Amino acid sequence: MLSLKVGGVPEHFNYPWYITLKNKEYTKQDINLRWQDFPGGTGAMCKALREGEIDIAIVLTEGIIKDIINGNPSKIIQTFVKSPLIWGIHVGANSKFKNIDDLENATVAISRFGSGSHLMAIVNAYNNGWDLSKLKFKVVKNLQGGIDALTNGEADYFMWEHFTTKPLVDEGTFRRLGDCPTPWPCFVVAIRDEVLKNHPEKIKQVLDIINNCTTDFKQIDDIDKTLSIRYEQQLEDIQKWLSITEWNDGNPITEDLLTDIQNKMVGFNVIEEKINSEKLIKIL
């Protein structure tokens, strides 16, 4: 039996992995698939891929593109969630900042450099016409670190997925000043080159199983109630999230899409220059 480790954020986007693991669908294909939560997000997963701690990552598009360009020996196989990710722009409950314009010279909390919270802070600054060279960052590792940094005044604002942080807004830990959606599909499946080379058929089986689950995910009986309870979110928030979220339909990612994304990332100063998109992807 082939053992594979897959990593992802402990958020509602990845509940299909829980379902397929619970149903032992990988075991039936002689695959011992183990899931690992990464509260630290994309930067932590890129590091784990590089070091061989995981084989597969459900990772933010912009983060893994930047990391592969910087030498991560992995490839993007397909999109996982093809709709944009909505990044909430948050300040502490008692913050003096009232609107996004106030944040131009403020310190932004990020999980780590190269993470989604880092790269999207750059995108947000670009969108608002700020001087990117003057951005100030405070590394906080994860969502809890962001909570602590904003509460203690170590940073001024923090960007994280809108619906994951909605309970923190509801309870008054954060105030949300606005949103910044990704201008590209948000999550992709990335796999280490060594695993792709040695086990392409098994990887294809894993993808077939998860894509089959996400295709019918929204039709699962009471899935909104299940997600609301599991992730401690209001039912109406989960229903709104489900209405705007689209998973991959099983199609491989294309070079044209990745070239378009890289062009945008260069424009946003998220990467300095693009590479040939065929070096980013592997078609099984």
C-alpha atoms as a PDB file:
ATOM      1  CA  MET A   1       0.000   0.000   0.000  1.00  0.00           C
ATOM      2  CA  LEU A   2       1.359   3.421  -0.985  1.00  0.00           C
ATOM      3  CA  SER A   3       1.513   5.996   1.819  1.00  0.00           C
ATOM      4  CA  LEU A   4       0.866   9.618   0.866  1.00  0.00           C
ATOM      5  CA  LYS A   5       0.603  12.725   3.059  1.00  0.00           C
ATOM      6  CA  VAL A   6      -1.654  15.600   2.033  1.00  0.00           C
ATOM      7  CA  GLY A   7      -1.727  19.006   3.725  1.00  0.00           C
ATOM      8  CA  GLY A   8      -4.207  21.859   3.763  1.00  0.00           C
ATOM      9  CA  VAL A   9      -5.713  24.587   5.885  1.00  0.00           C
ATOM     10  CA  PRO A  10      -8.235  23.442   8.530  1.00  0.00           C
ATOM     11  CA  GLU A  11     -11.079  25.286   6.826  1.00  0.00           C
ATOM     12  CA  HIS A  12     -14.392  24.478   5.163  1.00  0.00           C
ATOM     13  CA  PHE A  13     -12.831  24.391   1.685  1.00  0.00           C
ATOM     14  CA  ASN A  14     -11.153  21.108   2.558  1.00  0.00           C
ATOM     15  CA  TYR A  15     -14.116  19.253   4.060  1.00  0.00           C
ATOM     16  CA  PRO A  16     -14.360  17.053   0.913  1.00  0.00           C
ATOM     17  CA  TRP A  17     -11.020  15.511   1.938  1.00  0.00           C
ATOM     18  CA  TYR A  18     -12.505  14.616   5.313  1.00  0.00           C
ATOM     19  CA  ILE A  19     -15.491  12.944   3.650  1.00  0.00           C
ATOM     20  CA  THR A  20     -13.401  10.832   1.282  1.00  0.00           C
ATOM     21  CA  LEU A  21     -11.007   9.830   4.064  1.00  0.00           C
ATOM     22  CA  LYS A  22     -13.872   8.930   6.378  1.00  0.00           C
ATOM     23  CA  ASN A  23     -15.351   6.727   3.636  1.00  0.00           C
ATOM     24  CA  LYS A  24     -11.961   4.998   3.183  1.00  0.00           C
ATOM     25  CA  GLU A  25     -12.093   5.682  -0.542  1.00  0.00           C
ATOM     26  CA  TYR A  26      -8.301   5.869  -0.860  1.00  0.00           C
ATOM     27  CA  THR A  27      -7.779   2.664   1.083  1.00  0.00           C
ATOM     28  CA  LYS A  28      -9.954   0.870  -1.482  1.00  0.00           C
ATOM     29  CA  GLN A  29      -7.376   1.913  -4.104  1.00  0.00           C
ATOM     30  CA  ASP A  30      -4.502   0.592  -1.966  1.00  0.00           C
ATOM     31  CA  ILE A  31      -3.496   4.117  -0.913  1.00  0.00           C
ATOM     32  CA  ASN A  32      -2.796   5.042   2.710  1.00  0.00           C
ATOM     33  CA  LEU A  33      -3.609   8.764   2.553  1.00  0.00           C
ATOM     34  CA  ARG A  34      -2.970  10.826   5.671  1.00  0.00           C
ATOM     35  CA  TRP A  35      -4.246  14.385   6.148  1.00  0.00           C
ATOM     36  CA  GLN A  36      -2.276  17.080   8.006  1.00  0.00           C
ATOM     37  CA  ASP A  37      -3.725  20.443   9.043  1.00  0.00           C
ATOM     38  CA  PHE A  38      -1.606  23.533   8.347  1.00  0.00           C
ATOM     39  CA  PRO A  39      -2.988  26.462  10.390  1.00  0.00           C
ATOM     40  CA  GLY A  40       0.009  28.472   9.172  1.00  0.00           C
ATOM     41  CA  GLY A  41      -1.320  28.311   5.625  1.00  0.00           C
ATOM     42  CA  THR A  42       0.453  28.319   2.286  1.00  0.00           C
ATOM     43  CA  GLY A  43       3.905  29.393   3.438  1.00  0.00           C
ATOM     44  CA  ALA A  44       4.061  26.502   5.891  1.00  0.00           C
ATOM     45  CA  MET A  45       2.865  24.037   3.238  1.00  0.00           C
ATOM     46  CA  CYS A  46       5.422  25.230   0.693  1.00  0.00           C
ATOM     47  CA  LYS A  47       8.125  24.597   3.293  1.00  0.00           C
ATOM     48  CA  ALA A  48       6.707  21.131   4.032  1.00  0.00           C
ATOM     49  CA  LEU A  49       6.687  20.252   0.321  1.00  0.00           C
ATOM     50  CA  ARG A  50      10.289  21.371  -0.047  1.00  0.00           C
ATOM     51  CA  GLU A  51      11.365  19.266   2.930  1.00  0.00           C
ATOM     52  CA  GLY A  52       9.364  16.177   1.913  1.00  0.00           C
ATOM     53  CA  GLU A  53       7.145  16.302   5.000  1.00  0.00           C
ATOM     54  CA  ILE A  54       4.055  16.165   2.786  1.00  0.00           C
ATOM     55  CA  ASP A  55       3.540  14.881  -0.749  1.00  0.00           C
ATOM     56  CA  ILE A  56       0.435  16.825  -1.771  1.00  0.00           C
ATOM     57  CA  ALA A  57      -0.658  20.339  -0.774  1.00  0.00           C
ATOM     58  CA  ILE A  58      -3.971  22.121  -1.219  1.00  0.00           C
ATOM     59  CA  VAL A  59      -2.356  25.483  -1.464  1.00  0.00           C
ATOM     60  CA  LEU A  60      -3.017  29.065  -2.535  1.00  0.00           C
ATOM     61  CA  THR A  61      -2.293  29.654  -6.219  1.00  0.00           C
ATOM     62  CA  GLU A  62      -0.167  32.768  -5.799  1.00  0.00           C
ATOM     63  CA  GLY A  63       1.927  31.244  -3.020  1.00  0.00           C
ATOM     64  CA  ILE A  64       2.893  28.027  -4.784  1.00  0.00           C
ATOM     65  CA  ILE A  65       3.611  29.798  -8.093  1.00  0.00           C
ATOM     66  CA  LYS A  66       6.037  32.111  -6.299  1.00  0.00           C
ATOM     67  CA  ASP A  67       7.636  29.202  -4.428  1.00  0.00           C
ATOM     68  CA  ILE A  68       8.077  26.990  -7.516  1.00  0.00           C
ATOM     69  CA  ILE A  69       9.715  29.944  -9.267  1.00  0.00           C
ATOM     70  CA  ASN A  70      12.014  30.163  -6.226  1.00  0.00           C
ATOM     71  CA  GLY A  71      12.996  26.496  -6.485  1.00  0.00           C
ATOM     72  CA  ASN A  72      10.296  24.371  -4.839  1.00  0.00           C
ATOM     73  CA  PRO A  73      10.577  20.936  -6.571  1.00  0.00           C
ATOM     74  CA  SER A  74       6.823  20.547  -7.059  1.00  0.00           C
ATOM     75  CA  LYS A  75       4.222  20.969  -9.777  1.00  0.00           C
ATOM     76  CA  ILE A  76       0.663  22.271  -9.939  1.00  0.00           C
ATOM     77  CA  ILE A  77      -1.688  19.519 -11.158  1.00  0.00           C
ATOM     78  CA  GLN A  78      -5.087  21.207 -11.187  1.00  0.00           C
ATOM     79  CA  THR A  79      -7.147  23.870  -9.509  1.00  0.00           C
ATOM     80  CA  PHE A  80      -8.951  22.696  -6.385  1.00  0.00           C
ATOM     81  CA  VAL A  81     -11.223  25.704  -5.849  1.00  0.00           C
ATOM     82  CA  LYS A  82     -11.579  27.669  -9.074  1.00  0.00           C
ATOM     83  CA  SER A  83     -13.514  30.632  -7.654  1.00  0.00           C
ATOM     84  CA  PRO A  84     -11.631  33.559  -6.033  1.00  0.00           C
ATOM     85  CA  LEU A  85     -10.772  33.633  -2.356  1.00  0.00           C
ATOM     86  CA  ILE A  86     -12.289  36.576  -0.479  1.00  0.00           C
ATOM     87  CA  TRP A  87      -9.682  38.066   1.839  1.00  0.00           C
ATOM     88  CA  GLY A  88     -11.098  40.116   4.690  1.00  0.00           C
ATOM     89  CA  ILE A  89      -9.070  43.159   5.764  1.00  0.00           C
ATOM     90  CA  HIS A  90      -9.219  43.249   9.563  1.00  0.00           C
ATOM     91  CA  VAL A  91      -8.169  45.544  12.377  1.00  0.00           C
ATOM     92  CA  GLY A  92      -8.443  45.027  16.118  1.00  0.00           C
ATOM     93  CA  ALA A  93     -11.689  45.830  17.876  1.00  0.00           C
ATOM     94  CA  ASN A  94     -10.222  48.958  19.492  1.00  0.00           C
ATOM     95  CA  SER A  95      -8.155  50.084  16.524  1.00  0.00           C
ATOM     96  CA  LYS A  96      -8.075  53.755  15.585  1.00  0.00           C
ATOM     97  CA  PHE A  97      -8.338  52.844  11.886  1.00  0.00           C
ATOM     98  CA  LYS A  98     -11.793  53.346  10.380  1.00  0.00           C
ATOM     99  CA  ASN A  99     -11.352  52.612   6.658  1.00  0.00           C
ATOM    100  CA  ILE A 100      -8.890  50.983   4.270  1.00  0.00           C
ATOM    101  CA  ASP A 101      -7.298  54.308   3.255  1.00  0.00           C
ATOM    102  CA  ASP A 102      -6.140  54.745   6.865  1.00  0.00           C
ATOM    103  CA  LEU A 103      -3.945  51.636   6.546  1.00  0.00           C
ATOM    104  CA  GLU A 104      -1.523  53.003   3.929  1.00  0.00           C
ATOM    105  CA  ASN A 105       1.414  53.392   6.312  1.00  0.00           C
ATOM    106  CA  ALA A 106       0.295  50.811   8.881  1.00  0.00           C
ATOM    107  CA  THR A 107       1.975  47.504   9.764  1.00  0.00           C
ATOM    108  CA  VAL A 108       0.349  44.394   8.304  1.00  0.00           C
ATOM    109  CA  ALA A 109       0.456  41.051  10.117  1.00  0.00           C
ATOM    110  CA  ILE A 110       1.355  38.109   7.845  1.00  0.00           C
ATOM    111  CA  SER A 111       1.661  34.408   8.604  1.00  0.00           C
ATOM    112  CA  ARG A 112       5.069  34.305   6.881  1.00  0.00           C
ATOM    113  CA  PHE A 113       6.799  35.771   3.849  1.00  0.00           C
ATOM    114  CA  GLY A 114       5.547  34.142   0.653  1.00  0.00           C
ATOM    115  CA  SER A 115       2.223  33.243   2.251  1.00  0.00           C
ATOM    116  CA  GLY A 116      -1.168  34.285   0.935  1.00  0.00           C
ATOM    117  CA  SER A 117      -1.556  36.850   3.708  1.00  0.00           C
ATOM    118  CA  HIS A 118       1.753  38.388   2.603  1.00  0.00           C
ATOM    119  CA  LEU A 119       1.137  38.323  -1.152  1.00  0.00           C
ATOM    120  CA  MET A 120      -2.451  39.539  -0.915  1.00  0.00           C
ATOM    121  CA  ALA A 121      -1.350  42.429   1.303  1.00  0.00           C
ATOM    122  CA  ILE A 122       0.812  43.480  -1.655  1.00  0.00           C
ATOM    123  CA  VAL A 123      -2.128  43.061  -4.058  1.00  0.00           C
ATOM    124  CA  ASN A 124      -4.346  45.147  -1.764  1.00  0.00           C
ATOM    125  CA  ALA A 125      -1.696  47.863  -1.522  1.00  0.00           C
ATOM    126  CA  TYR A 126      -1.338  47.885  -5.315  1.00  0.00           C
ATOM    127  CA  ASN A 127      -5.111  48.136  -5.746  1.00  0.00           C
ATOM    128  CA  ASN A 128      -5.144  51.185  -3.479  1.00  0.00           C
ATOM    129  CA  GLY A 129      -2.214  52.918  -5.175  1.00  0.00           C
ATOM    130  CA  TRP A 130       0.117  52.727  -2.165  1.00  0.00           C
ATOM    131  CA  ASP A 131       3.924  52.764  -2.341  1.00  0.00           C
ATOM    132  CA  LEU A 132       4.761  49.048  -2.169  1.00  0.00           C
ATOM    133  CA  SER A 133       8.321  49.739  -1.019  1.00  0.00           C
ATOM    134  CA  LYS A 134       6.962  51.236   2.198  1.00  0.00           C
ATOM    135  CA  LEU A 135       4.888  48.235   3.273  1.00  0.00           C
ATOM    136  CA  LYS A 136       5.726  47.088   6.803  1.00  0.00           C
ATOM    137  CA  PHE A 137       5.227  43.460   7.845  1.00  0.00           C
ATOM    138  CA  LYS A 138       4.995  41.590  11.141  1.00  0.00           C
ATOM    139  CA  VAL A 139       5.316  37.777  10.907  1.00  0.00           C
ATOM    140  CA  VAL A 140       2.707  36.106  13.149  1.00  0.00           C
ATOM    141  CA  LYS A 141       2.717  32.467  11.870  1.00  0.00           C
ATOM    142  CA  ASN A 142      -1.063  31.823  11.775  1.00  0.00           C
ATOM    143  CA  LEU A 143      -4.565  33.122  12.490  1.00  0.00           C
ATOM    144  CA  GLN A 144      -4.078  32.989  16.262  1.00  0.00           C
ATOM    145  CA  GLY A 145      -0.875  34.958  15.812  1.00  0.00           C
ATOM    146  CA  GLY A 146      -2.846  37.548  13.857  1.00  0.00           C
ATOM    147  CA  ILE A 147      -5.412  37.787  16.643  1.00  0.00           C
ATOM    148  CA  ASP A 148      -2.666  38.282  19.224  1.00  0.00           C
ATOM    149  CA  ALA A 149      -0.750  40.842  17.133  1.00  0.00           C
ATOM    150  CA  LEU A 150      -3.817  43.020  16.507  1.00  0.00           C
ATOM    151  CA  THR A 151      -5.016  42.724  20.098  1.00  0.00           C
ATOM    152  CA  ASN A 152      -1.586  43.591  21.524  1.00  0.00           C
ATOM    153  CA  GLY A 153      -0.902  46.383  19.045  1.00  0.00           C
ATOM    154  CA  GLU A 154       2.111  44.619  17.480  1.00  0.00           C
ATOM    155  CA  ALA A 155       0.486  45.024  14.039  1.00  0.00           C
ATOM    156  CA  ASP A 156      -2.307  47.177  12.677  1.00  0.00           C
ATOM    157  CA  TYR A 157      -4.188  45.001  10.190  1.00  0.00           C
ATOM    158  CA  PHE A 158      -4.409  41.400   9.079  1.00  0.00           C
ATOM    159  CA  MET A 159      -5.803  39.761   5.954  1.00  0.00           C
ATOM    160  CA  TRP A 160      -7.382  36.298   6.184  1.00  0.00           C
ATOM    161  CA  GLU A 161     -10.204  34.432   4.479  1.00  0.00           C
ATOM    162  CA  HIS A 162     -13.500  36.310   4.943  1.00  0.00           C
ATOM    163  CA  PHE A 163     -15.701  33.477   6.178  1.00  0.00           C
ATOM    164  CA  THR A 164     -13.090  31.827   8.406  1.00  0.00           C
ATOM    165  CA  THR A 165     -12.665  35.124  10.272  1.00  0.00           C
ATOM    166  CA  LYS A 166     -16.377  36.059  10.280  1.00  0.00           C
ATOM    167  CA  PRO A 167     -16.938  34.580  13.791  1.00  0.00           C
ATOM    168  CA  LEU A 168     -14.109  36.791  15.071  1.00  0.00           C
ATOM    169  CA  VAL A 169     -15.859  39.812  13.542  1.00  0.00           C
ATOM    170  CA  ASP A 170     -19.205  38.741  15.016  1.00  0.00           C
ATOM    171  CA  GLU A 171     -17.776  38.388  18.517  1.00  0.00           C
ATOM    172  CA  GLY A 172     -15.904  41.702  18.331  1.00  0.00           C
ATOM    173  CA  THR A 173     -12.308  40.465  18.226  1.00  0.00           C
ATOM    174  CA  PHE A 174     -11.818  41.958  14.750  1.00  0.00           C
ATOM    175  CA  ARG A 175     -13.430  44.738  12.773  1.00  0.00           C
ATOM    176  CA  ARG A 176     -13.501  44.200   9.013  1.00  0.00           C
ATOM    177  CA  LEU A 177     -12.797  47.308   6.952  1.00  0.00           C
ATOM    178  CA  GLY A 178     -13.298  45.647   3.590  1.00  0.00           C
ATOM    179  CA  ASP A 179     -12.487  42.705   1.328  1.00  0.00           C
ATOM    180  CA  CYS A 180      -9.902  41.929  -1.348  1.00  0.00           C
ATOM    181  CA  PRO A 181     -10.739  38.994  -3.662  1.00  0.00           C
ATOM    182  CA  THR A 182      -7.968  37.121  -5.447  1.00  0.00           C
ATOM    183  CA  PRO A 183      -7.895  37.942  -9.184  1.00  0.00           C
ATOM    184  CA  TRP A 184      -7.384  34.230  -9.968  1.00  0.00           C
ATOM    185  CA  PRO A 185      -8.642  30.761  -8.880  1.00  0.00           C
ATOM    186  CA  CYS A 186      -7.724  30.479  -5.236  1.00  0.00           C
ATOM    187  CA  PHE A 187      -6.623  26.922  -4.372  1.00  0.00           C
ATOM    188  CA  VAL A 188      -4.596  24.469  -6.460  1.00  0.00           C
ATOM    189  CA  VAL A 189      -3.296  20.940  -5.915  1.00  0.00           C
ATOM    190  CA  ALA A 190       0.521  20.857  -5.824  1.00  0.00           C
ATOM    191  CA  ILE A 191       2.560  17.651  -5.676  1.00  0.00           C
ATOM    192  CA  ARG A 192       6.241  16.961  -5.163  1.00  0.00           C
ATOM    193  CA  ASP A 193       8.126  16.094  -8.360  1.00  0.00           C
ATOM    194  CA  GLU A 194       9.508  12.872  -6.874  1.00  0.00           C
ATOM    195  CA  VAL A 195       6.008  11.590  -6.105  1.00  0.00           C
ATOM    196  CA  LEU A 196       4.726  12.562  -9.547  1.00  0.00           C
ATOM    197  CA  LYS A 197       7.603  10.724 -11.203  1.00  0.00           C
ATOM    198  CA  ASN A 198       7.283   7.537  -9.159  1.00  0.00           C
ATOM    199  CA  HIS A 199       3.518   7.219  -8.638  1.00  0.00           C
ATOM    200  CA  PRO A 200       1.572   9.021 -11.408  1.00  0.00           C
ATOM    201  CA  GLU A 201      -1.227   6.438 -11.532  1.00  0.00           C
ATOM    202  CA  LYS A 202      -1.836   6.571  -7.787  1.00  0.00           C
ATOM    203  CA  ILE A 203      -1.899  10.377  -7.875  1.00  0.00           C
ATOM    204  CA  LYS A 204      -4.459  10.183 -10.684  1.00  0.00           C
ATOM    205  CA  GLN A 205      -6.607   7.904  -8.483  1.00  0.00           C
ATOM    206  CA  VAL A 206      -6.402  10.379  -5.585  1.00  0.00           C
ATOM    207  CA  LEU A 207      -7.480  13.244  -7.846  1.00  0.00           C
ATOM    208  CA  ASP A 208     -10.347  11.215  -9.345  1.00  0.00           C
ATOM    209  CA  ILE A 209     -11.673  10.464  -5.852  1.00  0.00           C
ATOM    210  CA  ILE A 210     -11.527  14.046  -4.563  1.00  0.00           C
ATOM    211  CA  ASN A 211     -12.890  15.529  -7.808  1.00  0.00           C
ATOM    212  CA  ASN A 212     -15.800  13.113  -7.720  1.00  0.00           C
ATOM    213  CA  CYS A 213     -16.603  14.286  -4.188  1.00  0.00           C
ATOM    214  CA  THR A 214     -16.374  18.015  -4.937  1.00  0.00           C
ATOM    215  CA  THR A 215     -18.564  17.641  -8.040  1.00  0.00           C
ATOM    216  CA  ASP A 216     -21.561  16.693  -5.873  1.00  0.00           C
ATOM    217  CA  PHE A 217     -20.468  18.428  -2.674  1.00  0.00           C
ATOM    218  CA  LYS A 218     -23.162  21.096  -2.625  1.00  0.00           C
ATOM    219  CA  GLN A 219     -25.889  18.472  -3.105  1.00  0.00           C
ATOM    220  CA  ILE A 220     -24.969  16.488   0.022  1.00  0.00           C
ATOM    221  CA  ASP A 221     -27.928  16.433   2.406  1.00  0.00           C
ATOM    222  CA  ASP A 222     -27.660  19.193   5.042  1.00  0.00           C
ATOM    223  CA  ILE A 223     -24.067  19.994   4.079  1.00  0.00           C
ATOM    224  CA  ASP A 224     -24.663  23.613   5.099  1.00  0.00           C
ATOM    225  CA  LYS A 225     -25.709  22.563   8.607  1.00  0.00           C
ATOM    226  CA  THR A 226     -22.785  20.127   8.887  1.00  0.00           C
ATOM    227  CA  LEU A 227     -20.252  22.803   7.921  1.00  0.00           C
ATOM    228  CA  SER A 228     -21.883  25.389  10.192  1.00  0.00           C
ATOM    229  CA  ILE A 229     -21.496  23.116  13.221  1.00  0.00           C
ATOM    230  CA  ARG A 230     -18.028  21.783  12.392  1.00  0.00           C
ATOM    231  CA  TYR A 231     -16.470  25.178  11.656  1.00  0.00           C
ATOM    232  CA  GLU A 232     -18.537  27.125  14.213  1.00  0.00           C
ATOM    233  CA  GLN A 233     -20.013  29.528  11.682  1.00  0.00           C
ATOM    234  CA  GLN A 234     -23.457  31.004  11.257  1.00  0.00           C
ATOM    235  CA  LEU A 235     -25.640  28.949   8.909  1.00  0.00           C
ATOM    236  CA  GLU A 236     -26.360  31.977   6.711  1.00  0.00           C
ATOM    237  CA  ASP A 237     -22.613  32.631   6.331  1.00  0.00           C
ATOM    238  CA  ILE A 238     -21.963  29.041   5.242  1.00  0.00           C
ATOM    239  CA  GLN A 239     -24.878  29.228   2.792  1.00  0.00           C
ATOM    240  CA  LYS A 240     -23.470  32.420   1.279  1.00  0.00           C
ATOM    241  CA  TRP A 241     -20.005  30.852   1.068  1.00  0.00           C
ATOM    242  CA  LEU A 242     -21.389  27.761  -0.670  1.00  0.00           C
ATOM    243  CA  SER A 243     -23.231  29.950  -3.177  1.00  0.00           C
ATOM    244  CA  ILE A 244     -20.047  31.692  -4.365  1.00  0.00           C
ATOM    245  CA  THR A 245     -17.580  28.774  -4.172  1.00  0.00           C
ATOM    246  CA  GLU A 246     -16.847  26.556  -7.182  1.00  0.00           C
ATOM    247  CA  TRP A 247     -14.572  23.531  -7.063  1.00  0.00           C
ATOM    248  CA  ASN A 248     -12.595  22.068  -9.944  1.00  0.00           C
ATOM    249  CA  ASP A 249     -14.558  19.949 -12.417  1.00  0.00           C
ATOM    250  CA  GLY A 250     -11.687  17.535 -12.988  1.00  0.00           C
ATOM    251  CA  ASN A 251      -9.989  19.455 -15.772  1.00  0.00           C
ATOM    252  CA  PRO A 252      -6.191  19.902 -15.671  1.00  0.00           C
ATOM    253  CA  ILE A 253      -4.786  23.394 -15.245  1.00  0.00           C
ATOM    254  CA  THR A 254      -3.604  25.065 -18.446  1.00  0.00           C
ATOM    255  CA  GLU A 255      -0.422  26.908 -19.345  1.00  0.00           C
ATOM    256  CA  ASP A 256      -2.516  29.813 -20.638  1.00  0.00           C
ATOM    257  CA  LEU A 257      -4.207  30.243 -17.248  1.00  0.00           C
ATOM    258  CA  LEU A 258      -0.903  30.163 -15.390  1.00  0.00           C
ATOM    259  CA  THR A 259       0.662  32.617 -17.836  1.00  0.00           C
ATOM    260  CA  ASP A 260      -2.263  34.983 -17.251  1.00  0.00           C
ATOM    261  CA  ILE A 261      -1.879  34.617 -13.468  1.00  0.00           C
ATOM    262  CA  GLN A 262       1.872  35.209 -13.672  1.00  0.00           C
ATOM    263  CA  ASN A 263       1.299  38.346 -15.764  1.00  0.00           C
ATOM    264  CA  LYS A 264      -0.991  39.677 -13.039  1.00  0.00           C
ATOM    265  CA  MET A 265       1.482  38.733 -10.306  1.00  0.00           C
ATOM    266  CA  VAL A 266       4.257  40.611 -12.118  1.00  0.00           C
ATOM    267  CA  GLY A 267       1.918  43.597 -12.463  1.00  0.00           C
ATOM    268  CA  PHE A 268       1.193  43.487  -8.735  1.00  0.00           C
ATOM    269  CA  ASN A 269       4.947  43.199  -7.955  1.00  0.00           C
ATOM    270  CA  VAL A 270       4.257  39.883  -6.230  1.00  0.00           C
ATOM    271  CA  ILE A 271       6.904  38.220  -8.426  1.00  0.00           C
ATOM    272  CA  GLU A 272       9.739  39.974 -10.229  1.00  0.00           C
ATOM    273  CA  GLU A 273       9.496  38.024 -13.478  1.00  0.00           C
ATOM    274  CA  LYS A 274       7.546  35.093 -14.866  1.00  0.00           C
ATOM    275  CA  ILE A 275       8.865  31.753 -16.069  1.00  0.00           C
ATOM    276  CA  ASN A 276       7.657  29.422 -18.801  1.00  0.00           C
ATOM    277  CA  SER A 277       4.350  28.112 -17.451  1.00  0.00           C
ATOM    278  CA  GLU A 278       5.140  24.546 -18.540  1.00  0.00           C
ATOM    279  CA  LYS A 279       7.692  24.520 -15.697  1.00  0.00           C
ATOM    280  CA  LEU A 280       4.889  25.089 -13.189  1.00  0.00           C
ATOM    281  CA  ILE A 281       2.515  22.297 -14.159  1.00  0.00           C
ATOM    282  CA  LYS A 282       2.315  18.581 -14.829  1.00  0.00           C
ATOM    283  CA  ILE A 283      -0.490  17.010 -16.830  1.00  0.00           C
ATOM    284  CA  LEU A 284      -1.282  13.437 -15.802  1.00  0.00           C
END
